[in-house]
C-alpha cells in the first residue's frame, strides 16, 4: 500500500528557470538511468523476492526512488515553466511545449518514450543486487553531469541531495550482497567449465600498423590466467611473417647479378 505525503523529500527551489536545462533533467525522470526506472526495477525485484529481509530492502529503496521521481519532476517542471507562454522558450523543445504543455512526461531528454526494457530483473537475488549497484553508479554520474550544466544554486542543492542518495543505496545493496556470503564469481548454481574459465582470449591485433597497444594486466596474466591467441590473428601474423620473408627473398634476387651480367663485367 502506498500513501502520498504531500511534501517533497527534499525542498526544491529554482531561482532562474532554464527550459533547456529542464529538458536535460528529463533524462533522470524518464530516461534509462532515471528515477522511474530505478523505482520500477527495485519494486518489481522486491515483488519477486522470496527473502523477506532483502525484499524489505528492495521495497524500501524502490519507494524512495518514487519520492526522488517527484523531486526531479518538480525541479524539471519549474525549469520548463517559461515554455507555457514564451515562444522562444517553447521553440527550444516543441515536443514539451506543444504536446506536453510545458510539463514533464514519461520520456527522456531526447523525447524517447520510457520503456520497461530499461529494467533489469532476473529473479536471481544476487544478480539483481549487482545490477542495482551498477544502476546507482550510472545515476550518480548523470547527476554529476547535470550539476555541471547549471549555475542555479537551488537546483544544484537538490541534485547534490539526489546524487548523494545514489551512494547511500549503493552501500545498502553492496552490504546486502555481501551478507549473502557469495563470492563475486559465484553466480547461479552450475559451476563454470574449468577448461575455459581461466583462458583469456587475446582478440586484439597488437601494436604498430596492426592496432593499438596489446596490454597486459591482472585481468589477463598472473594467477590462473592463460592467454590464448585468437586463431585468426595467429594466421594473420604468420602470413605477415611469411610475406616479410618472401619480400626479403625477392629483394635479394633483384640485387643478385645474373650470369650474363657477370660475364659482361669481365
C-alpha atoms as a PDB file:
ATOM      1  CA  UNK A   1       0.000   0.000   0.000  1.00  0.00           C
ATOM      2  CA  UNK A   2       1.295   3.443  -0.914  1.00  0.00           C
ATOM      3  CA  UNK A   3       0.464   6.735   0.746  1.00  0.00           C
ATOM      4  CA  UNK A   4       1.326  10.101  -0.751  1.00  0.00           C
ATOM      5  CA  UNK A   5       2.691  12.534   1.792  1.00  0.00           C
ATOM      6  CA  UNK A   6       2.178  15.947   0.190  1.00  0.00           C
ATOM      7  CA  UNK A   7       5.652  17.176   0.974  1.00  0.00           C
ATOM      8  CA  UNK A   8       8.795  16.636  -1.050  1.00  0.00           C
ATOM      9  CA  UNK A   9      11.574  14.528   0.465  1.00  0.00           C
ATOM     10  CA  UNK A  10      13.858  17.470  -0.352  1.00  0.00           C
ATOM     11  CA  UNK A  11      12.562  21.014  -0.869  1.00  0.00           C
ATOM     12  CA  UNK A  12      13.209  22.332  -4.378  1.00  0.00           C
ATOM     13  CA  UNK A  13      13.922  25.999  -5.171  1.00  0.00           C
ATOM     14  CA  UNK A  14      14.716  27.411  -8.615  1.00  0.00           C
ATOM     15  CA  UNK A  15      15.974  30.978  -8.913  1.00  0.00           C
ATOM     16  CA  UNK A  16      16.272  31.310 -12.699  1.00  0.00           C
ATOM     17  CA  UNK A  17      14.229  28.861 -14.807  1.00  0.00           C
ATOM     18  CA  UNK A  18      16.186  27.412 -17.721  1.00  0.00           C
ATOM     19  CA  UNK A  19      13.994  25.461 -20.185  1.00  0.00           C
ATOM     20  CA  UNK A  20      16.995  23.870 -21.888  1.00  0.00           C
ATOM     21  CA  UNK A  21      18.221  22.569 -18.534  1.00  0.00           C
ATOM     22  CA  UNK A  22      14.695  21.414 -17.732  1.00  0.00           C
ATOM     23  CA  UNK A  23      14.910  19.275 -20.857  1.00  0.00           C
ATOM     24  CA  UNK A  24      18.191  17.755 -19.600  1.00  0.00           C
ATOM     25  CA  UNK A  25      16.529  16.907 -16.286  1.00  0.00           C
ATOM     26  CA  UNK A  26      14.033  14.715 -18.120  1.00  0.00           C
ATOM     27  CA  UNK A  27      16.854  12.188 -18.517  1.00  0.00           C
ATOM     28  CA  UNK A  28      16.508  11.486 -14.795  1.00  0.00           C
ATOM     29  CA  UNK A  29      12.714  11.469 -14.998  1.00  0.00           C
ATOM     30  CA  UNK A  30      12.033   9.114 -17.898  1.00  0.00           C
ATOM     31  CA  UNK A  31      15.475   8.015 -19.055  1.00  0.00           C
ATOM     32  CA  UNK A  32      17.289   4.680 -18.849  1.00  0.00           C
ATOM     33  CA  UNK A  33      19.152   5.637 -15.658  1.00  0.00           C
ATOM     34  CA  UNK A  34      16.362   7.764 -14.208  1.00  0.00           C
ATOM     35  CA  UNK A  35      14.298   7.582 -11.064  1.00  0.00           C
ATOM     36  CA  UNK A  36      11.228   5.950 -12.612  1.00  0.00           C
ATOM     37  CA  UNK A  37      13.346   3.111 -13.974  1.00  0.00           C
ATOM     38  CA  UNK A  38      15.009   2.659 -10.574  1.00  0.00           C
ATOM     39  CA  UNK A  39      11.697   2.714  -8.714  1.00  0.00           C
ATOM     40  CA  UNK A  40      10.155   0.120 -11.022  1.00  0.00           C
ATOM     41  CA  UNK A  41      13.259  -2.085 -11.122  1.00  0.00           C
ATOM     42  CA  UNK A  42      13.667  -2.368  -7.356  1.00  0.00           C
ATOM     43  CA  UNK A  43       9.945  -2.706  -6.707  1.00  0.00           C
ATOM     44  CA  UNK A  44       9.467  -5.499  -9.247  1.00  0.00           C
ATOM     45  CA  UNK A  45      12.571  -7.244  -7.913  1.00  0.00           C
ATOM     46  CA  UNK A  46      11.088  -6.917  -4.441  1.00  0.00           C
ATOM     47  CA  UNK A  47       7.776  -8.430  -5.510  1.00  0.00           C
ATOM     48  CA  UNK A  48       9.684 -11.419  -6.912  1.00  0.00           C
ATOM     49  CA  UNK A  49      11.955 -11.814  -3.884  1.00  0.00           C
ATOM     50  CA  UNK A  50      11.399 -14.797  -1.543  1.00  0.00           C
ATOM     51  CA  UNK A  51      13.891 -13.481   1.022  1.00  0.00           C
ATOM     52  CA  UNK A  52      11.799 -11.341   3.442  1.00  0.00           C
ATOM     53  CA  UNK A  53      14.727  -9.269   4.757  1.00  0.00           C
ATOM     54  CA  UNK A  54      16.102  -8.324   1.371  1.00  0.00           C
ATOM     55  CA  UNK A  55      12.616  -7.911  -0.041  1.00  0.00           C
ATOM     56  CA  UNK A  56      12.125  -5.222   2.600  1.00  0.00           C
ATOM     57  CA  UNK A  57      15.326  -3.535   1.406  1.00  0.00           C
ATOM     58  CA  UNK A  58      14.217  -3.585  -2.235  1.00  0.00           C
ATOM     59  CA  UNK A  59      10.740  -2.253  -1.492  1.00  0.00           C
ATOM     60  CA  UNK A  60      12.090   0.492   0.803  1.00  0.00           C
ATOM     61  CA  UNK A  61      14.561   1.773  -1.773  1.00  0.00           C
ATOM     62  CA  UNK A  62      12.089   1.326  -4.621  1.00  0.00           C
ATOM     63  CA  UNK A  63       9.618   3.501  -2.711  1.00  0.00           C
ATOM     64  CA  UNK A  64      12.257   6.131  -2.001  1.00  0.00           C
ATOM     65  CA  UNK A  65      13.034   6.261  -5.720  1.00  0.00           C
ATOM     66  CA  UNK A  66       9.405   7.278  -6.323  1.00  0.00           C
ATOM     67  CA  UNK A  67       9.978  10.212  -3.980  1.00  0.00           C
ATOM     68  CA  UNK A  68      13.094  11.077  -5.980  1.00  0.00           C
ATOM     69  CA  UNK A  69      10.994  10.975  -9.141  1.00  0.00           C
ATOM     70  CA  UNK A  70       8.734  13.553  -7.514  1.00  0.00           C
ATOM     71  CA  UNK A  71      11.726  15.788  -6.760  1.00  0.00           C
ATOM     72  CA  UNK A  72      13.132  15.537 -10.289  1.00  0.00           C
ATOM     73  CA  UNK A  73       9.699  16.081 -11.816  1.00  0.00           C
ATOM     74  CA  UNK A  74       9.089  19.173  -9.681  1.00  0.00           C
ATOM     75  CA  UNK A  75      12.541  20.560 -10.484  1.00  0.00           C
ATOM     76  CA  UNK A  76      12.099  19.934 -14.218  1.00  0.00           C
ATOM     77  CA  UNK A  77       8.614  21.473 -14.239  1.00  0.00           C
ATOM     78  CA  UNK A  78       9.934  24.647 -12.597  1.00  0.00           C
ATOM     79  CA  UNK A  79      12.654  24.960 -15.233  1.00  0.00           C
ATOM     80  CA  UNK A  80      10.246  24.215 -18.070  1.00  0.00           C
ATOM     81  CA  UNK A  81       7.617  26.734 -16.917  1.00  0.00           C
ATOM     82  CA  UNK A  82       8.632  29.508 -19.398  1.00  0.00           C
ATOM     83  CA  UNK A  83       7.640  27.163 -22.235  1.00  0.00           C
ATOM     84  CA  UNK A  84       3.980  27.586 -21.318  1.00  0.00           C
ATOM     85  CA  UNK A  85       3.806  31.182 -22.596  1.00  0.00           C
ATOM     86  CA  UNK A  86       7.161  32.199 -24.048  1.00  0.00           C
ATOM     87  CA  UNK A  87       7.546  31.386 -27.747  1.00  0.00           C
ATOM     88  CA  UNK A  88      11.364  31.480 -27.820  1.00  0.00           C
ATOM     89  CA  UNK A  89      11.468  29.134 -24.832  1.00  0.00           C
ATOM     90  CA  UNK A  90       8.919  26.844 -26.481  1.00  0.00           C
ATOM     91  CA  UNK A  91      10.991  26.662 -29.657  1.00  0.00           C
ATOM     92  CA  UNK A  92      13.792  25.027 -27.655  1.00  0.00           C
ATOM     93  CA  UNK A  93      11.666  21.867 -27.485  1.00  0.00           C
ATOM     94  CA  UNK A  94       8.308  21.839 -29.302  1.00  0.00           C
ATOM     95  CA  UNK A  95       7.530  18.335 -28.046  1.00  0.00           C
ATOM     96  CA  UNK A  96       7.492  19.512 -24.447  1.00  0.00           C
ATOM     97  CA  UNK A  97       5.884  22.869 -25.203  1.00  0.00           C
ATOM     98  CA  UNK A  98       3.148  21.774 -27.604  1.00  0.00           C
ATOM     99  CA  UNK A  99       2.466  18.117 -26.840  1.00  0.00           C
ATOM    100  CA  UNK A 100       3.161  18.331 -23.112  1.00  0.00           C
ATOM    101  CA  UNK A 101       2.092  21.883 -22.341  1.00  0.00           C
ATOM    102  CA  UNK A 102       5.457  22.753 -20.840  1.00  0.00           C
ATOM    103  CA  UNK A 103       5.372  19.929 -18.308  1.00  0.00           C
ATOM    104  CA  UNK A 104       7.168  16.641 -17.734  1.00  0.00           C
ATOM    105  CA  UNK A 105       6.314  13.393 -19.467  1.00  0.00           C
ATOM    106  CA  UNK A 106       7.459   9.805 -19.498  1.00  0.00           C
ATOM    107  CA  UNK A 107      10.271  10.317 -21.970  1.00  0.00           C
ATOM    108  CA  UNK A 108      13.954  11.157 -21.808  1.00  0.00           C
ATOM    109  CA  UNK A 109      15.790  14.335 -22.820  1.00  0.00           C
ATOM    110  CA  UNK A 110      15.638  13.300 -26.484  1.00  0.00           C
ATOM    111  CA  UNK A 111      11.895  12.656 -26.454  1.00  0.00           C
ATOM    112  CA  UNK A 112      12.197   8.863 -26.459  1.00  0.00           C
ATOM    113  CA  UNK A 113       9.368   7.195 -24.556  1.00  0.00           C
ATOM    114  CA  UNK A 114      10.091   5.413 -21.291  1.00  0.00           C
ATOM    115  CA  UNK A 115      10.165   1.644 -21.691  1.00  0.00           C
ATOM    116  CA  UNK A 116      10.200  -1.378 -19.405  1.00  0.00           C
ATOM    117  CA  UNK A 117      13.221  -2.544 -21.425  1.00  0.00           C
ATOM    118  CA  UNK A 118      15.231  -0.293 -19.095  1.00  0.00           C
ATOM    119  CA  UNK A 119      14.565  -2.688 -16.199  1.00  0.00           C
ATOM    120  CA  UNK A 120      16.996  -5.423 -15.174  1.00  0.00           C
ATOM    121  CA  UNK A 121      15.016  -8.119 -13.361  1.00  0.00           C
ATOM    122  CA  UNK A 122      16.350 -11.687 -13.361  1.00  0.00           C
ATOM    123  CA  UNK A 123      14.666 -13.237 -10.326  1.00  0.00           C
ATOM    124  CA  UNK A 124      18.138 -14.224  -9.067  1.00  0.00           C
ATOM    125  CA  UNK A 125      18.696 -12.047  -5.999  1.00  0.00           C
ATOM    126  CA  UNK A 126      22.494 -11.714  -6.104  1.00  0.00           C
ATOM    127  CA  UNK A 127      22.421 -10.924  -9.839  1.00  0.00           C
ATOM    128  CA  UNK A 128      19.694  -8.321  -9.311  1.00  0.00           C
ATOM    129  CA  UNK A 129      21.652  -6.700  -6.477  1.00  0.00           C
ATOM    130  CA  UNK A 130      24.695  -6.381  -8.744  1.00  0.00           C
ATOM    131  CA  UNK A 131      22.504  -4.771 -11.409  1.00  0.00           C
ATOM    132  CA  UNK A 132      21.219  -2.335  -8.801  1.00  0.00           C
ATOM    133  CA  UNK A 133      24.720  -1.361  -7.691  1.00  0.00           C
ATOM    134  CA  UNK A 134      25.614  -0.593 -11.314  1.00  0.00           C
ATOM    135  CA  UNK A 135      22.341   1.331 -11.807  1.00  0.00           C
ATOM    136  CA  UNK A 136      23.066   3.556  -8.810  1.00  0.00           C
ATOM    137  CA  UNK A 137      26.597   4.211 -10.093  1.00  0.00           C
ATOM    138  CA  UNK A 138      25.263   5.272 -13.504  1.00  0.00           C
ATOM    139  CA  UNK A 139      22.652   7.550 -11.930  1.00  0.00           C
ATOM    140  CA  UNK A 140      25.316   9.155  -9.722  1.00  0.00           C
ATOM    141  CA  UNK A 141      27.342  10.070 -12.808  1.00  0.00           C
ATOM    142  CA  UNK A 142      24.262  11.509 -14.564  1.00  0.00           C
ATOM    143  CA  UNK A 143      23.608  13.767 -11.559  1.00  0.00           C
ATOM    144  CA  UNK A 144      27.231  14.922 -11.595  1.00  0.00           C
ATOM    145  CA  UNK A 145      26.894  15.913 -15.249  1.00  0.00           C
ATOM    146  CA  UNK A 146      23.622  17.725 -14.610  1.00  0.00           C
ATOM    147  CA  UNK A 147      25.254  19.688 -11.777  1.00  0.00           C
ATOM    148  CA  UNK A 148      27.989  20.746 -14.183  1.00  0.00           C
ATOM    149  CA  UNK A 149      25.439  22.237 -16.597  1.00  0.00           C
ATOM    150  CA  UNK A 150      23.595  24.613 -14.272  1.00  0.00           C
ATOM    151  CA  UNK A 151      24.510  27.688 -12.248  1.00  0.00           C
ATOM    152  CA  UNK A 152      21.242  27.748 -10.314  1.00  0.00           C
ATOM    153  CA  UNK A 153      22.118  27.202  -6.650  1.00  0.00           C
ATOM    154  CA  UNK A 154      18.729  25.755  -5.682  1.00  0.00           C
ATOM    155  CA  UNK A 155      18.915  23.212  -8.495  1.00  0.00           C
ATOM    156  CA  UNK A 156      22.466  22.281  -7.534  1.00  0.00           C
ATOM    157  CA  UNK A 157      21.435  21.703  -3.902  1.00  0.00           C
ATOM    158  CA  UNK A 158      18.610  19.360  -4.919  1.00  0.00           C
ATOM    159  CA  UNK A 159      20.794  17.497  -7.405  1.00  0.00           C
ATOM    160  CA  UNK A 160      23.552  17.038  -4.812  1.00  0.00           C
ATOM    161  CA  UNK A 161      20.986  15.529  -2.446  1.00  0.00           C
ATOM    162  CA  UNK A 162      19.826  13.084  -5.127  1.00  0.00           C
ATOM    163  CA  UNK A 163      23.416  12.291  -6.139  1.00  0.00           C
ATOM    164  CA  UNK A 164      24.319  11.529  -2.528  1.00  0.00           C
ATOM    165  CA  UNK A 165      21.361   9.170  -2.076  1.00  0.00           C
ATOM    166  CA  UNK A 166      22.679   7.122  -5.010  1.00  0.00           C
ATOM    167  CA  UNK A 167      25.804   6.377  -2.970  1.00  0.00           C
ATOM    168  CA  UNK A 168      23.646   5.519   0.069  1.00  0.00           C
ATOM    169  CA  UNK A 169      21.706   2.994  -1.994  1.00  0.00           C
ATOM    170  CA  UNK A 170      24.918   1.536  -3.404  1.00  0.00           C
ATOM    171  CA  UNK A 171      26.153   0.982   0.146  1.00  0.00           C
ATOM    172  CA  UNK A 172      22.920  -0.766   1.108  1.00  0.00           C
ATOM    173  CA  UNK A 173      22.873  -3.011  -1.969  1.00  0.00           C
ATOM    174  CA  UNK A 174      26.552  -3.878  -1.545  1.00  0.00           C
ATOM    175  CA  UNK A 175      26.036  -4.762   2.122  1.00  0.00           C
ATOM    176  CA  UNK A 176      23.006  -6.908   1.236  1.00  0.00           C
ATOM    177  CA  UNK A 177      25.012  -8.750  -1.415  1.00  0.00           C
ATOM    178  CA  UNK A 178      27.928  -9.262   0.976  1.00  0.00           C
ATOM    179  CA  UNK A 179      25.573 -10.598   3.655  1.00  0.00           C
ATOM    180  CA  UNK A 180      24.561 -13.425   1.308  1.00  0.00           C
ATOM    181  CA  UNK A 181      28.089 -14.833   1.662  1.00  0.00           C
ATOM    182  CA  UNK A 182      28.536 -15.419  -2.073  1.00  0.00           C
ATOM    183  CA  UNK A 183      31.832 -14.870  -3.839  1.00  0.00           C
ATOM    184  CA  UNK A 184      31.976 -12.277  -6.625  1.00  0.00           C
ATOM    185  CA  UNK A 185      32.091 -15.037  -9.276  1.00  0.00           C
ATOM    186  CA  UNK A 186      29.592 -17.342  -7.585  1.00  0.00           C
ATOM    187  CA  UNK A 187      26.686 -16.839  -9.974  1.00  0.00           C
ATOM    188  CA  UNK A 188      23.813 -19.323 -10.012  1.00  0.00           C
ATOM    189  CA  UNK A 189      24.270 -22.995  -9.107  1.00  0.00           C
ATOM    190  CA  UNK A 190      26.072 -24.584 -12.079  1.00  0.00           C
ATOM    191  CA  UNK A 191      29.887 -24.175 -11.851  1.00  0.00           C
ATOM    192  CA  UNK A 192      31.821 -22.905 -14.886  1.00  0.00           C
ATOM    193  CA  UNK A 193      33.773 -25.284 -17.138  1.00  0.00           C
ATOM    194  CA  UNK A 194      37.342 -25.389 -15.740  1.00  0.00           C
ATOM    195  CA  UNK A 195      38.672 -25.915 -19.260  1.00  0.00           C
ATOM    196  CA  UNK A 196      37.635 -22.427 -20.304  1.00  0.00           C
ATOM    197  CA  UNK A 197      37.072 -20.278 -17.239  1.00  0.00           C
ATOM    198  CA  UNK A 198      40.696 -19.105 -16.830  1.00  0.00           C
ATOM    199  CA  UNK A 199      41.529 -18.621 -20.524  1.00  0.00           C
ATOM    200  CA  UNK A 200      41.854 -15.055 -21.753  1.00  0.00           C
ATOM    201  CA  UNK A 201      41.225 -14.755 -25.493  1.00  0.00           C
ATOM    202  CA  UNK A 202      43.712 -12.236 -26.856  1.00  0.00           C
ATOM    203  CA  UNK A 203      41.488 -10.899 -29.625  1.00  0.00           C
ATOM    204  CA  UNK A 204      43.327  -7.677 -30.482  1.00  0.00           C
ATOM    205  CA  UNK A 205      45.943  -7.332 -33.189  1.00  0.00           C
ATOM    206  CA  UNK A 206      48.643  -5.626 -31.168  1.00  0.00           C
ATOM    207  CA  UNK A 207      50.890  -2.628 -31.688  1.00  0.00           C
ATOM    208  CA  UNK A 208      52.144  -0.749 -34.730  1.00  0.00           C
ATOM    209  CA  UNK A 209      50.329  -0.936 -38.068  1.00  0.00           C
ATOM    210  CA  UNK A 210      48.238  -3.800 -36.679  1.00  0.00           C
ATOM    211  CA  UNK A 211      46.500  -1.755 -33.961  1.00  0.00           C
ATOM    212  CA  UNK A 212      46.868  -0.159 -30.531  1.00  0.00           C
ATOM    213  CA  UNK A 213      48.816  -1.469 -27.550  1.00  0.00           C
ATOM    214  CA  UNK A 214      48.268  -5.127 -26.712  1.00  0.00           C
ATOM    215  CA  UNK A 215      48.014  -4.631 -22.953  1.00  0.00           C
ATOM    216  CA  UNK A 216      48.817  -6.958 -20.093  1.00  0.00           C
ATOM    217  CA  UNK A 217      47.498  -6.675 -16.553  1.00  0.00           C
ATOM    218  CA  UNK A 218      45.903  -8.638 -13.695  1.00  0.00           C
ATOM    219  CA  UNK A 219      42.846  -9.124 -15.911  1.00  0.00           C
ATOM    220  CA  UNK A 220      44.761 -11.419 -18.290  1.00  0.00           C
ATOM    221  CA  UNK A 221      48.020 -12.572 -16.694  1.00  0.00           C
ATOM    222  CA  UNK A 222      49.252 -13.954 -13.379  1.00  0.00           C
ATOM    223  CA  UNK A 223      47.391 -16.341 -11.108  1.00  0.00           C
ATOM    224  CA  UNK A 224      45.331 -18.868 -13.080  1.00  0.00           C
ATOM    225  CA  UNK A 225      45.204 -16.861 -16.309  1.00  0.00           C
ATOM    226  CA  UNK A 226      46.320 -18.384 -19.589  1.00  0.00           C
ATOM    227  CA  UNK A 227      46.456 -16.137 -22.645  1.00  0.00           C
ATOM    228  CA  UNK A 228      45.182 -17.713 -25.845  1.00  0.00           C
ATOM    229  CA  UNK A 229      45.971 -16.031 -29.137  1.00  0.00           C
ATOM    230  CA  UNK A 230      42.962 -15.863 -31.454  1.00  0.00           C
ATOM    231  CA  UNK A 231      43.375 -18.279 -34.413  1.00  0.00           C
ATOM    232  CA  UNK A 232      42.557 -15.554 -36.937  1.00  0.00           C
ATOM    233  CA  UNK A 233      45.310 -13.300 -35.614  1.00  0.00           C
ATOM    234  CA  UNK A 234      47.765 -16.194 -35.416  1.00  0.00           C
ATOM    235  CA  UNK A 235      47.144 -16.835 -39.127  1.00  0.00           C
ATOM    236  CA  UNK A 236      47.425 -13.103 -39.836  1.00  0.00           C
ATOM    237  CA  UNK A 237      50.773 -12.936 -38.024  1.00  0.00           C
ATOM    238  CA  UNK A 238      52.117 -15.995 -39.845  1.00  0.00           C
ATOM    239  CA  UNK A 239      51.057 -14.571 -43.216  1.00  0.00           C
ATOM    240  CA  UNK A 240      52.704 -11.260 -42.332  1.00  0.00           C
ATOM    241  CA  UNK A 241      55.917 -13.039 -41.331  1.00  0.00           C
ATOM    242  CA  UNK A 242      55.867 -15.202 -44.482  1.00  0.00           C
ATOM    243  CA  UNK A 243      55.180 -12.122 -46.577  1.00  0.00           C
ATOM    244  CA  UNK A 244      58.111 -10.340 -44.992  1.00  0.00           C
ATOM    245  CA  UNK A 245      60.400 -13.310 -45.695  1.00  0.00           C
ATOM    246  CA  UNK A 246      59.163 -13.529 -49.289  1.00  0.00           C
ATOM    247  CA  UNK A 247      59.772  -9.813 -49.758  1.00  0.00           C
ATOM    248  CA  UNK A 248      63.321 -10.179 -48.434  1.00  0.00           C
ATOM    249  CA  UNK A 249      63.990 -13.077 -50.814  1.00  0.00           C
ATOM    250  CA  UNK A 250      62.594 -11.147 -53.775  1.00  0.00           C
ATOM    251  CA  UNK A 251      64.811  -8.169 -52.971  1.00  0.00           C
ATOM    252  CA  UNK A 252      67.794 -10.466 -52.714  1.00  0.00           C
ATOM    253  CA  UNK A 253      67.088 -11.952 -56.148  1.00  0.00           C
ATOM    254  CA  UNK A 254      66.782  -8.499 -57.726  1.00  0.00           C
ATOM    255  CA  UNK A 255      70.141  -7.353 -56.397  1.00  0.00           C
ATOM    256  CA  UNK A 256      71.985 -10.595 -57.227  1.00  0.00           C
ATOM    257  CA  UNK A 257      73.892 -10.247 -60.583  1.00  0.00           C
ATOM    258  CA  UNK A 258      72.822 -12.569 -63.434  1.00  0.00           C
ATOM    259  CA  UNK A 259      75.223 -14.879 -65.296  1.00  0.00           C
ATOM    260  CA  UNK A 260      75.084 -12.566 -68.281  1.00  0.00           C
ATOM    261  CA  UNK A 261      75.839  -9.627 -66.126  1.00  0.00           C
ATOM    262  CA  UNK A 262      78.786 -11.404 -64.544  1.00  0.00           C
ATOM    263  CA  UNK A 263      80.210 -12.329 -67.965  1.00  0.00           C
ATOM    264  CA  UNK A 264      79.793  -8.802 -69.269  1.00  0.00           C
ATOM    265  CA  UNK A 265      81.714  -7.468 -66.348  1.00  0.00           C
ATOM    266  CA  UNK A 266      84.834  -9.395 -67.281  1.00  0.00           C
END
